Amino acid sequence: MPDRPEIVCICGSTRFMDEMSAANRDLTFAGVIVVAPGVFLRAEDREADGLITGEQKAALDALHLRKIDLADRVLVVNPGGYIGESTSREIAYARATGKPVSFTDPS
């Protein structure tokens, strides 16, 4: 038995909040420690209401890379194979740091 449970970082577009929540639940029930995005604002919300600044977005992006650092592996939630710009950067970062990356849908 390992000293600690596996840690998985969930990545993906925040438009897939429901799918990420389901993956988080399933992994948690399987005994996995899950780290995931903590803010789910869609691009249209940011543009229409100014709910998140560019500075906040940059800080959240950097924070998510630190979450990847903590993880043993990365799970990309990508319904229909969709991978956006931020998620592509996260995948590249994870691979560059030697983290295994898997996907919920073929890309």
PDB file of N, CA and C in Angstrom:
ATOM      1  N   MET A   1       0.846  -1.182   0.000  1.00  0.00           N
ATOM      2  CA  MET A   1       0.000   0.000   0.000  1.00  0.00           C
ATOM      3  C   MET A   1       0.892   1.246   0.000  1.00  0.00           C
ATOM      4  N   PRO A   2       0.582   2.218  -0.871  1.00  0.00           N
ATOM      5  CA  PRO A   2       1.414   3.424  -0.924  1.00  0.00           C
ATOM      6  C   PRO A   2       1.308   4.243   0.364  1.00  0.00           C
ATOM      7  N   ASP A   3       2.328   5.090   0.595  1.00  0.00           N
ATOM      8  CA  ASP A   3       2.321   5.944   1.786  1.00  0.00           C
ATOM      9  C   ASP A   3       1.195   6.964   1.757  1.00  0.00           C
ATOM     10  N   ARG A   4       0.795   7.342   0.571  1.00  0.00           N
ATOM     11  CA  ARG A   4      -0.276   8.322   0.429  1.00  0.00           C
ATOM     12  C   ARG A   4      -1.060   7.998  -0.826  1.00  0.00           C
ATOM     13  N   PRO A   5      -2.288   8.496  -0.903  1.00  0.00           N
ATOM     14  CA  PRO A   5      -3.069   8.288  -2.127  1.00  0.00           C
ATOM     15  C   PRO A   5      -2.439   9.023  -3.307  1.00  0.00           C
ATOM     16  N   GLU A   6      -2.749   8.561  -4.487  1.00  0.00           N
ATOM     17  CA  GLU A   6      -2.330   9.236  -5.711  1.00  0.00           C
ATOM     18  C   GLU A   6      -2.959  10.635  -5.745  1.00  0.00           C
ATOM     19  N   ILE A   7      -2.222  11.593  -6.312  1.00  0.00           N
ATOM     20  CA  ILE A   7      -2.737  12.951  -6.490  1.00  0.00           C
ATOM     21  C   ILE A   7      -2.897  13.194  -7.986  1.00  0.00           C
ATOM     22  N   VAL A   8      -4.092  13.596  -8.389  1.00  0.00           N
ATOM     23  CA  VAL A   8      -4.390  13.864  -9.794  1.00  0.00           C
ATOM     24  C   VAL A   8      -4.821  15.313  -9.931  1.00  0.00           C
ATOM     25  N   CYS A   9      -4.256  15.997 -10.917  1.00  0.00           N
ATOM     26  CA  CYS A   9      -4.665  17.356 -11.242  1.00  0.00           C
ATOM     27  C   CYS A   9      -5.583  17.308 -12.453  1.00  0.00           C
ATOM     28  N   ILE A  10      -6.773  17.842 -12.297  1.00  0.00           N
ATOM     29  CA  ILE A  10      -7.713  17.922 -13.411  1.00  0.00           C
ATOM     30  C   ILE A  10      -7.459  19.218 -14.173  1.00  0.00           C
ATOM     31  N   CYS A  11      -7.345  19.094 -15.483  1.00  0.00           N
ATOM     32  CA  CYS A  11      -7.192  20.243 -16.371  1.00  0.00           C
ATOM     33  C   CYS A  11      -8.304  20.191 -17.411  1.00  0.00           C
ATOM     34  N   GLY A  12      -8.586  21.329 -18.016  1.00  0.00           N
ATOM     35  CA  GLY A  12      -9.582  21.392 -19.078  1.00  0.00           C
ATOM     36  C   GLY A  12     -10.261  22.744 -19.078  1.00  0.00           C
ATOM     37  N   SER A  13     -11.034  22.963 -20.095  1.00  0.00           N
ATOM     38  CA  SER A  13     -11.770  24.217 -20.211  1.00  0.00           C
ATOM     39  C   SER A  13     -12.799  24.316 -19.101  1.00  0.00           C
ATOM     40  N   THR A  14     -12.891  25.502 -18.491  1.00  0.00           N
ATOM     41  CA  THR A  14     -13.870  25.668 -17.420  1.00  0.00           C
ATOM     42  C   THR A  14     -15.306  25.644 -17.936  1.00  0.00           C
ATOM     43  N   ARG A  15     -15.477  25.630 -19.264  1.00  0.00           N
ATOM     44  CA  ARG A  15     -16.830  25.460 -19.806  1.00  0.00           C
ATOM     45  C   ARG A  15     -17.359  24.059 -19.489  1.00  0.00           C
ATOM     46  N   PHE A  16     -16.448  23.141 -19.123  1.00  0.00           N
ATOM     47  CA  PHE A  16     -16.829  21.769 -18.805  1.00  0.00           C
ATOM     48  C   PHE A  16     -16.892  21.548 -17.291  1.00  0.00           C
ATOM     49  N   MET A  17     -17.426  22.528 -16.578  1.00  0.00           N
ATOM     50  CA  MET A  17     -17.505  22.460 -15.126  1.00  0.00           C
ATOM     51  C   MET A  17     -18.219  21.195 -14.656  1.00  0.00           C
ATOM     52  N   ASP A  18     -19.320  20.846 -15.276  1.00  0.00           N
ATOM     53  CA  ASP A  18     -20.075  19.659 -14.850  1.00  0.00           C
ATOM     54  C   ASP A  18     -19.257  18.389 -15.048  1.00  0.00           C
ATOM     55  N   GLU A  19     -18.564  18.293 -16.185  1.00  0.00           N
ATOM     56  CA  GLU A  19     -17.751  17.115 -16.471  1.00  0.00           C
ATOM     57  C   GLU A  19     -16.559  17.027 -15.524  1.00  0.00           C
ATOM     58  N   MET A  20     -15.964  18.189 -15.199  1.00  0.00           N
ATOM     59  CA  MET A  20     -14.845  18.202 -14.245  1.00  0.00           C
ATOM     60  C   MET A  20     -15.316  17.788 -12.861  1.00  0.00           C
ATOM     61  N   SER A  21     -16.492  18.260 -12.475  1.00  0.00           N
ATOM     62  CA  SER A  21     -17.051  17.887 -11.185  1.00  0.00           C
ATOM     63  C   SER A  21     -17.298  16.384 -11.109  1.00  0.00           C
ATOM     64  N   ALA A  22     -17.803  15.799 -12.191  1.00  0.00           N
ATOM     65  CA  ALA A  22     -18.040  14.349 -12.223  1.00  0.00           C
ATOM     66  C   ALA A  22     -16.721  13.583 -12.134  1.00  0.00           C
ATOM     67  N   ALA A  23     -15.692  14.042 -12.850  1.00  0.00           N
ATOM     68  CA  ALA A  23     -14.381  13.385 -12.790  1.00  0.00           C
ATOM     69  C   ALA A  23     -13.808  13.496 -11.379  1.00  0.00           C
ATOM     70  N   ASN A  24     -13.956  14.664 -10.773  1.00  0.00           N
ATOM     71  CA  ASN A  24     -13.469  14.883  -9.414  1.00  0.00           C
ATOM     72  C   ASN A  24     -14.152  13.910  -8.457  1.00  0.00           C
ATOM     73  N   ARG A  25     -15.466  13.812  -8.567  1.00  0.00           N
ATOM     74  CA  ARG A  25     -16.234  12.900  -7.713  1.00  0.00           C
ATOM     75  C   ARG A  25     -15.774  11.451  -7.898  1.00  0.00           C
ATOM     76  N   ASP A  26     -15.669  11.009  -9.153  1.00  0.00           N
ATOM     77  CA  ASP A  26     -15.293   9.622  -9.426  1.00  0.00           C
ATOM     78  C   ASP A  26     -13.898   9.311  -8.895  1.00  0.00           C
ATOM     79  N   LEU A  27     -12.956  10.232  -9.107  1.00  0.00           N
ATOM     80  CA  LEU A  27     -11.592  10.027  -8.604  1.00  0.00           C
ATOM     81  C   LEU A  27     -11.569  10.017  -7.077  1.00  0.00           C
ATOM     82  N   THR A  28     -12.311  10.911  -6.462  1.00  0.00           N
ATOM     83  CA  THR A  28     -12.347  10.988  -5.008  1.00  0.00           C
ATOM     84  C   THR A  28     -12.910   9.695  -4.421  1.00  0.00           C
ATOM     85  N   PHE A  29     -13.995   9.177  -5.008  1.00  0.00           N
ATOM     86  CA  PHE A  29     -14.547   7.902  -4.545  1.00  0.00           C
ATOM     87  C   PHE A  29     -13.568   6.750  -4.744  1.00  0.00           C
ATOM     88  N   ALA A  30     -12.667   6.885  -5.709  1.00  0.00           N
ATOM     89  CA  ALA A  30     -11.652   5.859  -5.956  1.00  0.00           C
ATOM     90  C   ALA A  30     -10.447   6.021  -5.027  1.00  0.00           C
ATOM     91  N   GLY A  31     -10.504   6.997  -4.112  1.00  0.00           N
ATOM     92  CA  GLY A  31      -9.428   7.166  -3.140  1.00  0.00           C
ATOM     93  C   GLY A  31      -8.295   8.058  -3.599  1.00  0.00           C
ATOM     94  N   VAL A  32      -8.545   8.870  -4.612  1.00  0.00           N
ATOM     95  CA  VAL A  32      -7.533   9.758  -5.178  1.00  0.00           C
ATOM     96  C   VAL A  32      -7.696  11.154  -4.574  1.00  0.00           C
ATOM     97  N   ILE A  33      -6.569  11.828  -4.321  1.00  0.00           N
ATOM     98  CA  ILE A  33      -6.586  13.241  -3.945  1.00  0.00           C
ATOM     99  C   ILE A  33      -6.658  14.032  -5.238  1.00  0.00           C
ATOM    100  N   VAL A  34      -7.639  14.919  -5.345  1.00  0.00           N
ATOM    101  CA  VAL A  34      -7.861  15.666  -6.584  1.00  0.00           C
ATOM    102  C   VAL A  34      -7.558  17.142  -6.359  1.00  0.00           C
ATOM    103  N   VAL A  35      -6.782  17.725  -7.274  1.00  0.00           N
ATOM    104  CA  VAL A  35      -6.616  19.173  -7.338  1.00  0.00           C
ATOM    105  C   VAL A  35      -7.179  19.596  -8.686  1.00  0.00           C
ATOM    106  N   ALA A  36      -7.922  20.693  -8.681  1.00  0.00           N
ATOM    107  CA  ALA A  36      -8.653  21.092  -9.885  1.00  0.00           C
ATOM    108  C   ALA A  36      -8.818  22.609  -9.893  1.00  0.00           C
ATOM    109  N   PRO A  37      -9.283  23.144 -11.013  1.00  0.00           N
ATOM    110  CA  PRO A  37      -9.561  24.580 -11.042  1.00  0.00           C
ATOM    111  C   PRO A  37     -10.528  24.955  -9.917  1.00  0.00           C
ATOM    112  N   GLY A  38     -10.292  26.115  -9.330  1.00  0.00           N
ATOM    113  CA  GLY A  38     -11.144  26.560  -8.244  1.00  0.00           C
ATOM    114  C   GLY A  38     -12.124  27.648  -8.659  1.00  0.00           C
ATOM    115  N   VAL A  39     -11.953  28.177  -9.873  1.00  0.00           N
ATOM    116  CA  VAL A  39     -12.813  29.242 -10.375  1.00  0.00           C
ATOM    117  C   VAL A  39     -13.342  28.811 -11.730  1.00  0.00           C
ATOM    118  N   PHE A  40     -14.658  28.879 -11.902  1.00  0.00           N
ATOM    119  CA  PHE A  40     -15.285  28.448 -13.149  1.00  0.00           C
ATOM    120  C   PHE A  40     -16.060  29.605 -13.771  1.00  0.00           C
ATOM    121  N   LEU A  41     -15.345  30.506 -14.405  1.00  0.00           N
ATOM    122  CA  LEU A  41     -15.977  31.603 -15.135  1.00  0.00           C
ATOM    123  C   LEU A  41     -15.737  31.405 -16.613  1.00  0.00           C
ATOM    124  N   ARG A  42     -16.794  31.451 -17.367  1.00  0.00           N
ATOM    125  CA  ARG A  42     -16.669  31.307 -18.814  1.00  0.00           C
ATOM    126  C   ARG A  42     -16.147  32.606 -19.409  1.00  0.00           C
ATOM    127  N   ALA A  43     -15.547  32.520 -20.586  1.00  0.00           N
ATOM    128  CA  ALA A  43     -15.001  33.702 -21.253  1.00  0.00           C
ATOM    129  C   ALA A  43     -16.056  34.776 -21.436  1.00  0.00           C
ATOM    130  N   GLU A  44     -17.270  34.369 -21.801  1.00  0.00           N
ATOM    131  CA  GLU A  44     -18.312  35.374 -22.017  1.00  0.00           C
ATOM    132  C   GLU A  44     -18.698  36.081 -20.720  1.00  0.00           C
ATOM    133  N   ASP A  45     -18.572  35.392 -19.572  1.00  0.00           N
ATOM    134  CA  ASP A  45     -18.826  36.043 -18.286  1.00  0.00           C
ATOM    135  C   ASP A  45     -17.768  37.111 -18.017  1.00  0.00           C
ATOM    136  N   ARG A  46     -16.512  36.780 -18.292  1.00  0.00           N
ATOM    137  CA  ARG A  46     -15.426  37.732 -18.061  1.00  0.00           C
ATOM    138  C   ARG A  46     -15.609  38.978 -18.914  1.00  0.00           C
ATOM    139  N   GLU A  47     -16.001  38.782 -20.173  1.00  0.00           N
ATOM    140  CA  GLU A  47     -16.147  39.915 -21.086  1.00  0.00           C
ATOM    141  C   GLU A  47     -17.364  40.768 -20.742  1.00  0.00           C
ATOM    142  N   ALA A  48     -18.475  40.137 -20.423  1.00  0.00           N
ATOM    143  CA  ALA A  48     -19.720  40.868 -20.199  1.00  0.00           C
ATOM    144  C   ALA A  48     -19.731  41.601 -18.863  1.00  0.00           C
ATOM    145  N   ASP A  49     -19.278  40.956 -17.824  1.00  0.00           N
ATOM    146  CA  ASP A  49     -19.432  41.521 -16.491  1.00  0.00           C
ATOM    147  C   ASP A  49     -18.124  41.967 -15.846  1.00  0.00           C
ATOM    148  N   GLY A  50     -17.003  41.708 -16.496  1.00  0.00           N
ATOM    149  CA  GLY A  50     -15.732  42.060 -15.896  1.00  0.00           C
ATOM    150  C   GLY A  50     -15.500  41.355 -14.569  1.00  0.00           C
ATOM    151  N   LEU A  51     -15.981  40.108 -14.447  1.00  0.00           N
ATOM    152  CA  LEU A  51     -15.880  39.392 -13.182  1.00  0.00           C
ATOM    153  C   LEU A  51     -14.458  38.964 -12.844  1.00  0.00           C
ATOM    154  N   ILE A  52     -13.596  38.923 -13.828  1.00  0.00           N
ATOM    155  CA  ILE A  52     -12.220  38.515 -13.596  1.00  0.00           C
ATOM    156  C   ILE A  52     -11.323  39.392 -14.459  1.00  0.00           C
ATOM    157  N   THR A  53     -10.278  39.898 -13.863  1.00  0.00           N
ATOM    158  CA  THR A  53      -9.354  40.766 -14.596  1.00  0.00           C
ATOM    159  C   THR A  53      -8.293  39.928 -15.295  1.00  0.00           C
ATOM    160  N   GLY A  54      -7.591  40.553 -16.213  1.00  0.00           N
ATOM    161  CA  GLY A  54      -6.475  39.870 -16.870  1.00  0.00           C
ATOM    162  C   GLY A  54      -5.417  39.453 -15.871  1.00  0.00           C
ATOM    163  N   GLU A  55      -5.192  40.295 -14.874  1.00  0.00           N
ATOM    164  CA  GLU A  55      -4.217  39.979 -13.830  1.00  0.00           C
ATOM    165  C   GLU A  55      -4.660  38.765 -13.017  1.00  0.00           C
ATOM    166  N   GLN A  56      -5.944  38.703 -12.690  1.00  0.00           N
ATOM    167  CA  GLN A  56      -6.460  37.541 -11.954  1.00  0.00           C
ATOM    168  C   GLN A  56      -6.350  36.276 -12.797  1.00  0.00           C
ATOM    169  N   LYS A  57      -6.655  36.379 -14.084  1.00  0.00           N
ATOM    170  CA  LYS A  57      -6.556  35.206 -14.984  1.00  0.00           C
ATOM    171  C   LYS A  57      -5.122  34.698 -15.018  1.00  0.00           C
ATOM    172  N   ALA A  58      -4.160  35.612 -15.140  1.00  0.00           N
ATOM    173  CA  ALA A  58      -2.752  35.213 -15.164  1.00  0.00           C
ATOM    174  C   ALA A  58      -2.358  34.539 -13.847  1.00  0.00           C
ATOM    175  N   ALA A  59      -2.837  35.079 -12.732  1.00  0.00           N
ATOM    176  CA  ALA A  59      -2.529  34.490 -11.429  1.00  0.00           C
ATOM    177  C   ALA A  59      -3.143  33.099 -11.294  1.00  0.00           C
ATOM    178  N   LEU A  60      -4.386  32.937 -11.765  1.00  0.00           N
ATOM    179  CA  LEU A  60      -5.026  31.617 -11.716  1.00  0.00           C
ATOM    180  C   LEU A  60      -4.300  30.616 -12.599  1.00  0.00           C
ATOM    181  N   ASP A  61      -3.858  31.054 -13.778  1.00  0.00           N
ATOM    182  CA  ASP A  61      -3.101  30.169 -14.675  1.00  0.00           C
ATOM    183  C   ASP A  61      -1.809  29.703 -14.009  1.00  0.00           C
ATOM    184  N   ALA A  62      -1.086  30.628 -13.373  1.00  0.00           N
ATOM    185  CA  ALA A  62       0.160  30.279 -12.688  1.00  0.00           C
ATOM    186  C   ALA A  62      -0.111  29.337 -11.513  1.00  0.00           C
ATOM    187  N   LEU A  63      -1.179  29.601 -10.777  1.00  0.00           N
ATOM    188  CA  LEU A  63      -1.542  28.740  -9.657  1.00  0.00           C
ATOM    189  C   LEU A  63      -1.836  27.322 -10.134  1.00  0.00           C
ATOM    190  N   HIS A  64      -2.500  27.204 -11.287  1.00  0.00           N
ATOM    191  CA  HIS A  64      -2.825  25.862 -11.785  1.00  0.00           C
ATOM    192  C   HIS A  64      -1.562  25.087 -12.155  1.00  0.00           C
ATOM    193  N   LEU A  65      -0.547  25.784 -12.645  1.00  0.00           N
ATOM    194  CA  LEU A  65       0.722  25.100 -12.918  1.00  0.00           C
ATOM    195  C   LEU A  65       1.325  24.560 -11.625  1.00  0.00           C
ATOM    196  N   ARG A  66       1.181  25.270 -10.532  1.00  0.00           N
ATOM    197  CA  ARG A  66       1.679  24.777  -9.239  1.00  0.00           C
ATOM    198  C   ARG A  66       0.885  23.546  -8.808  1.00  0.00           C
ATOM    199  N   LYS A  67      -0.402  23.517  -9.137  1.00  0.00           N
ATOM    200  CA  LYS A  67      -1.209  22.331  -8.841  1.00  0.00           C
ATOM    201  C   LYS A  67      -0.692  21.132  -9.626  1.00  0.00           C
ATOM    202  N   ILE A  68      -0.317  21.367 -10.871  1.00  0.00           N
ATOM    203  CA  ILE A  68       0.282  20.293 -11.675  1.00  0.00           C
ATOM    204  C   ILE A  68       1.563  19.802 -11.014  1.00  0.00           C
ATOM    205  N   ASP A  69       2.370  20.735 -10.479  1.00  0.00           N
ATOM    206  CA  ASP A  69       3.600  20.346  -9.783  1.00  0.00           C
ATOM    207  C   ASP A  69       3.318  19.402  -8.626  1.00  0.00           C
ATOM    208  N   LEU A  70       2.210  19.606  -7.920  1.00  0.00           N
ATOM    209  CA  LEU A  70       1.864  18.767  -6.769  1.00  0.00           C
ATOM    210  C   LEU A  70       1.388  17.371  -7.175  1.00  0.00           C
ATOM    211  N   ALA A  71       0.881  17.255  -8.378  1.00  0.00           N
ATOM    212  CA  ALA A  71       0.210  16.025  -8.807  1.00  0.00           C
ATOM    213  C   ALA A  71       1.180  14.933  -9.252  1.00  0.00           C
ATOM    214  N   ASP A  72       0.679  13.703  -9.148  1.00  0.00           N
ATOM    215  CA  ASP A  72       1.397  12.552  -9.696  1.00  0.00           C
ATOM    216  C   ASP A  72       1.118  12.408 -11.185  1.00  0.00           C
ATOM    217  N   ARG A  73      -0.085  12.829 -11.585  1.00  0.00           N
ATOM    218  CA  ARG A  73      -0.465  12.772 -12.994  1.00  0.00           C
ATOM    219  C   ARG A  73      -1.560  13.799 -13.260  1.00  0.00           C
ATOM    220  N   VAL A  74      -1.824  14.015 -14.546  1.00  0.00           N
ATOM    221  CA  VAL A  74      -2.817  14.995 -14.987  1.00  0.00           C
ATOM    222  C   VAL A  74      -3.914  14.265 -15.759  1.00  0.00           C
ATOM    223  N   LEU A  75      -5.157  14.627 -15.474  1.00  0.00           N
ATOM    224  CA  LEU A  75      -6.303  14.150 -16.242  1.00  0.00           C
ATOM    225  C   LEU A  75      -6.912  15.354 -16.940  1.00  0.00           C
ATOM    226  N   VAL A  76      -6.944  15.304 -18.265  1.00  0.00           N
ATOM    227  CA  VAL A  76      -7.542  16.377 -19.056  1.00  0.00           C
ATOM    228  C   VAL A  76      -8.990  16.003 -19.352  1.00  0.00           C
ATOM    229  N   VAL A  77      -9.905  16.840 -18.887  1.00  0.00           N
ATOM    230  CA  VAL A  77     -11.327  16.651 -19.165  1.00  0.00           C
ATOM    231  C   VAL A  77     -11.600  17.404 -20.464  1.00  0.00           C
ATOM    232  N   ASN A  78     -11.851  16.646 -21.526  1.00  0.00           N
ATOM    233  CA  ASN A  78     -11.973  17.243 -22.864  1.00  0.00           C
ATOM    234  C   ASN A  78     -13.101  16.621 -23.680  1.00  0.00           C
ATOM    235  N   PRO A  79     -14.354  16.846 -23.267  1.00  0.00           N
ATOM    236  CA  PRO A  79     -15.480  16.291 -24.021  1.00  0.00           C
ATOM    237  C   PRO A  79     -15.397  16.648 -25.510  1.00  0.00           C
ATOM    238  N   GLY A  80     -15.634  15.645 -26.331  1.00  0.00           N
ATOM    239  CA  GLY A  80     -15.573  15.846 -27.780  1.00  0.00           C
ATOM    240  C   GLY A  80     -14.168  16.089 -28.295  1.00  0.00           C
ATOM    241  N   GLY A  81     -13.167  15.896 -27.444  1.00  0.00           N
ATOM    242  CA  GLY A  81     -11.781  16.106 -27.845  1.00  0.00           C
ATOM    243  C   GLY A  81     -11.333  17.554 -27.770  1.00  0.00           C
ATOM    244  N   TYR A  82     -12.173  18.444 -27.233  1.00  0.00           N
ATOM    245  CA  TYR A  82     -11.835  19.873 -27.199  1.00  0.00           C
ATOM    246  C   TYR A  82     -10.698  20.167 -26.219  1.00  0.00           C
ATOM    247  N   ILE A  83      -9.691  20.879 -26.722  1.00  0.00           N
ATOM    248  CA  ILE A  83      -8.586  21.351 -25.891  1.00  0.00           C
ATOM    249  C   ILE A  83      -8.305  22.790 -26.300  1.00  0.00           C
ATOM    250  N   GLY A  84      -8.509  23.716 -25.370  1.00  0.00           N
ATOM    251  CA  GLY A  84      -8.285  25.131 -25.644  1.00  0.00           C
ATOM    252  C   GLY A  84      -6.842  25.538 -25.418  1.00  0.00           C
ATOM    253  N   GLU A  85      -6.602  26.813 -25.581  1.00  0.00           N
ATOM    254  CA  GLU A  85      -5.251  27.368 -25.491  1.00  0.00           C
ATOM    255  C   GLU A  85      -4.632  27.177 -24.102  1.00  0.00           C
ATOM    256  N   SER A  86      -5.373  27.515 -23.057  1.00  0.00           N
ATOM    257  CA  SER A  86      -4.835  27.366 -21.693  1.00  0.00           C
ATOM    258  C   SER A  86      -4.554  25.904 -21.372  1.00  0.00           C
ATOM    259  N   THR A  87      -5.475  25.041 -21.752  1.00  0.00           N
ATOM    260  CA  THR A  87      -5.284  23.614 -21.490  1.00  0.00           C
ATOM    261  C   THR A  87      -4.097  23.069 -22.268  1.00  0.00           C
ATOM    262  N   SER A  88      -3.909  23.535 -23.492  1.00  0.00           N
ATOM    263  CA  SER A  88      -2.735  23.114 -24.272  1.00  0.00           C
ATOM    264  C   SER A  88      -1.446  23.487 -23.562  1.00  0.00           C
ATOM    265  N   ARG A  89      -1.406  24.695 -22.983  1.00  0.00           N
ATOM    266  CA  ARG A  89      -0.215  25.121 -22.224  1.00  0.00           C
ATOM    267  C   ARG A  89      -0.007  24.236 -21.003  1.00  0.00           C
ATOM    268  N   GLU A  90      -1.096  23.895 -20.329  1.00  0.00           N
ATOM    269  CA  GLU A  90      -0.991  23.039 -19.148  1.00  0.00           C
ATOM    270  C   GLU A  90      -0.497  21.650 -19.512  1.00  0.00           C
ATOM    271  N   ILE A  91      -0.980  21.110 -20.617  1.00  0.00           N
ATOM    272  CA  ILE A  91      -0.521  19.791 -21.075  1.00  0.00           C
ATOM    273  C   ILE A  91       0.974  19.842 -21.392  1.00  0.00           C
ATOM    274  N   ALA A  92       1.399  20.866 -22.111  1.00  0.00           N
ATOM    275  CA  ALA A  92       2.824  21.010 -22.452  1.00  0.00           C
ATOM    276  C   ALA A  92       3.666  21.127 -21.188  1.00  0.00           C
ATOM    277  N   TYR A  93       3.187  21.896 -20.214  1.00  0.00           N
ATOM    278  CA  TYR A  93       3.910  22.055 -18.952  1.00  0.00           C
ATOM    279  C   TYR A  93       4.008  20.714 -18.225  1.00  0.00           C
ATOM    280  N   ALA A  94       2.895  20.010 -18.129  1.00  0.00           N
ATOM    281  CA  ALA A  94       2.889  18.715 -17.442  1.00  0.00           C
ATOM    282  C   ALA A  94       3.864  17.746 -18.100  1.00  0.00           C
ATOM    283  N   ARG A  95       3.829  17.677 -19.397  1.00  0.00           N
ATOM    284  CA  ARG A  95       4.739  16.760 -20.106  1.00  0.00           C
ATOM    285  C   ARG A  95       6.186  17.178 -19.928  1.00  0.00           C
ATOM    286  N   ALA A  96       6.466  18.487 -19.950  1.00  0.00           N
ATOM    287  CA  ALA A  96       7.831  18.985 -19.781  1.00  0.00           C
ATOM    288  C   ALA A  96       8.374  18.665 -18.392  1.00  0.00           C
ATOM    289  N   THR A  97       7.483  18.554 -17.415  1.00  0.00           N
ATOM    290  CA  THR A  97       7.913  18.236 -16.053  1.00  0.00           C
ATOM    291  C   THR A  97       7.808  16.736 -15.759  1.00  0.00           C
ATOM    292  N   GLY A  98       7.494  15.945 -16.786  1.00  0.00           N
ATOM    293  CA  GLY A  98       7.488  14.493 -16.637  1.00  0.00           C
ATOM    294  C   GLY A  98       6.224  13.900 -16.056  1.00  0.00           C
ATOM    295  N   LYS A  99       5.144  14.674 -16.025  1.00  0.00           N
ATOM    296  CA  LYS A  99       3.882  14.144 -15.490  1.00  0.00           C
ATOM    297  C   LYS A  99       3.137  13.368 -16.572  1.00  0.00           C
ATOM    298  N   PRO A 100       2.659  12.186 -16.244  1.00  0.00           N
ATOM    299  CA  PRO A 100       1.793  11.479 -17.201  1.00  0.00           C
ATOM    300  C   PRO A 100       0.509  12.263 -17.413  1.00  0.00           C
ATOM    301  N   VAL A 101       0.040  12.281 -18.652  1.00  0.00           N
ATOM    302  CA  VAL A 101      -1.178  13.004 -19.029  1.00  0.00           C
ATOM    303  C   VAL A 101      -2.135  12.031 -19.683  1.00  0.00           C
ATOM    304  N   SER A 102      -3.373  12.000 -19.202  1.00  0.00           N
ATOM    305  CA  SER A 102      -4.417  11.195 -19.852  1.00  0.00           C
ATOM    306  C   SER A 102      -5.616  12.091 -20.142  1.00  0.00           C
ATOM    307  N   PHE A 103      -6.509  11.586 -20.965  1.00  0.00           N
ATOM    308  CA  PHE A 103      -7.637  12.377 -21.463  1.00  0.00           C
ATOM    309  C   PHE A 103      -8.933  11.606 -21.267  1.00  0.00           C
ATOM    310  N   THR A 104     -10.021  12.342 -21.016  1.00  0.00           N
ATOM    311  CA  THR A 104     -11.309  11.676 -20.882  1.00  0.00           C
ATOM    312  C   THR A 104     -11.864  11.290 -22.250  1.00  0.00           C
ATOM    313  N   ASP A 105     -11.508  12.038 -23.294  1.00  0.00           N
ATOM    314  CA  ASP A 105     -11.951  11.761 -24.664  1.00  0.00           C
ATOM    315  C   ASP A 105     -10.733  11.766 -25.577  1.00  0.00           C
ATOM    316  N   PRO A 106     -10.764  10.961 -26.621  1.00  0.00           N
ATOM    317  CA  PRO A 106      -9.643  11.005 -27.574  1.00  0.00           C
ATOM    318  C   PRO A 106      -9.538  12.390 -28.192  1.00  0.00           C
ATOM    319  N   SER A 107      -8.320  12.866 -28.356  1.00  0.00           N
ATOM    320  CA  SER A 107      -8.166  14.217 -28.943  1.00  0.00           C
ATOM    321  C   SER A 107      -7.655  14.151 -30.358  1.00  0.00           C
TER     322      SER A 107
END
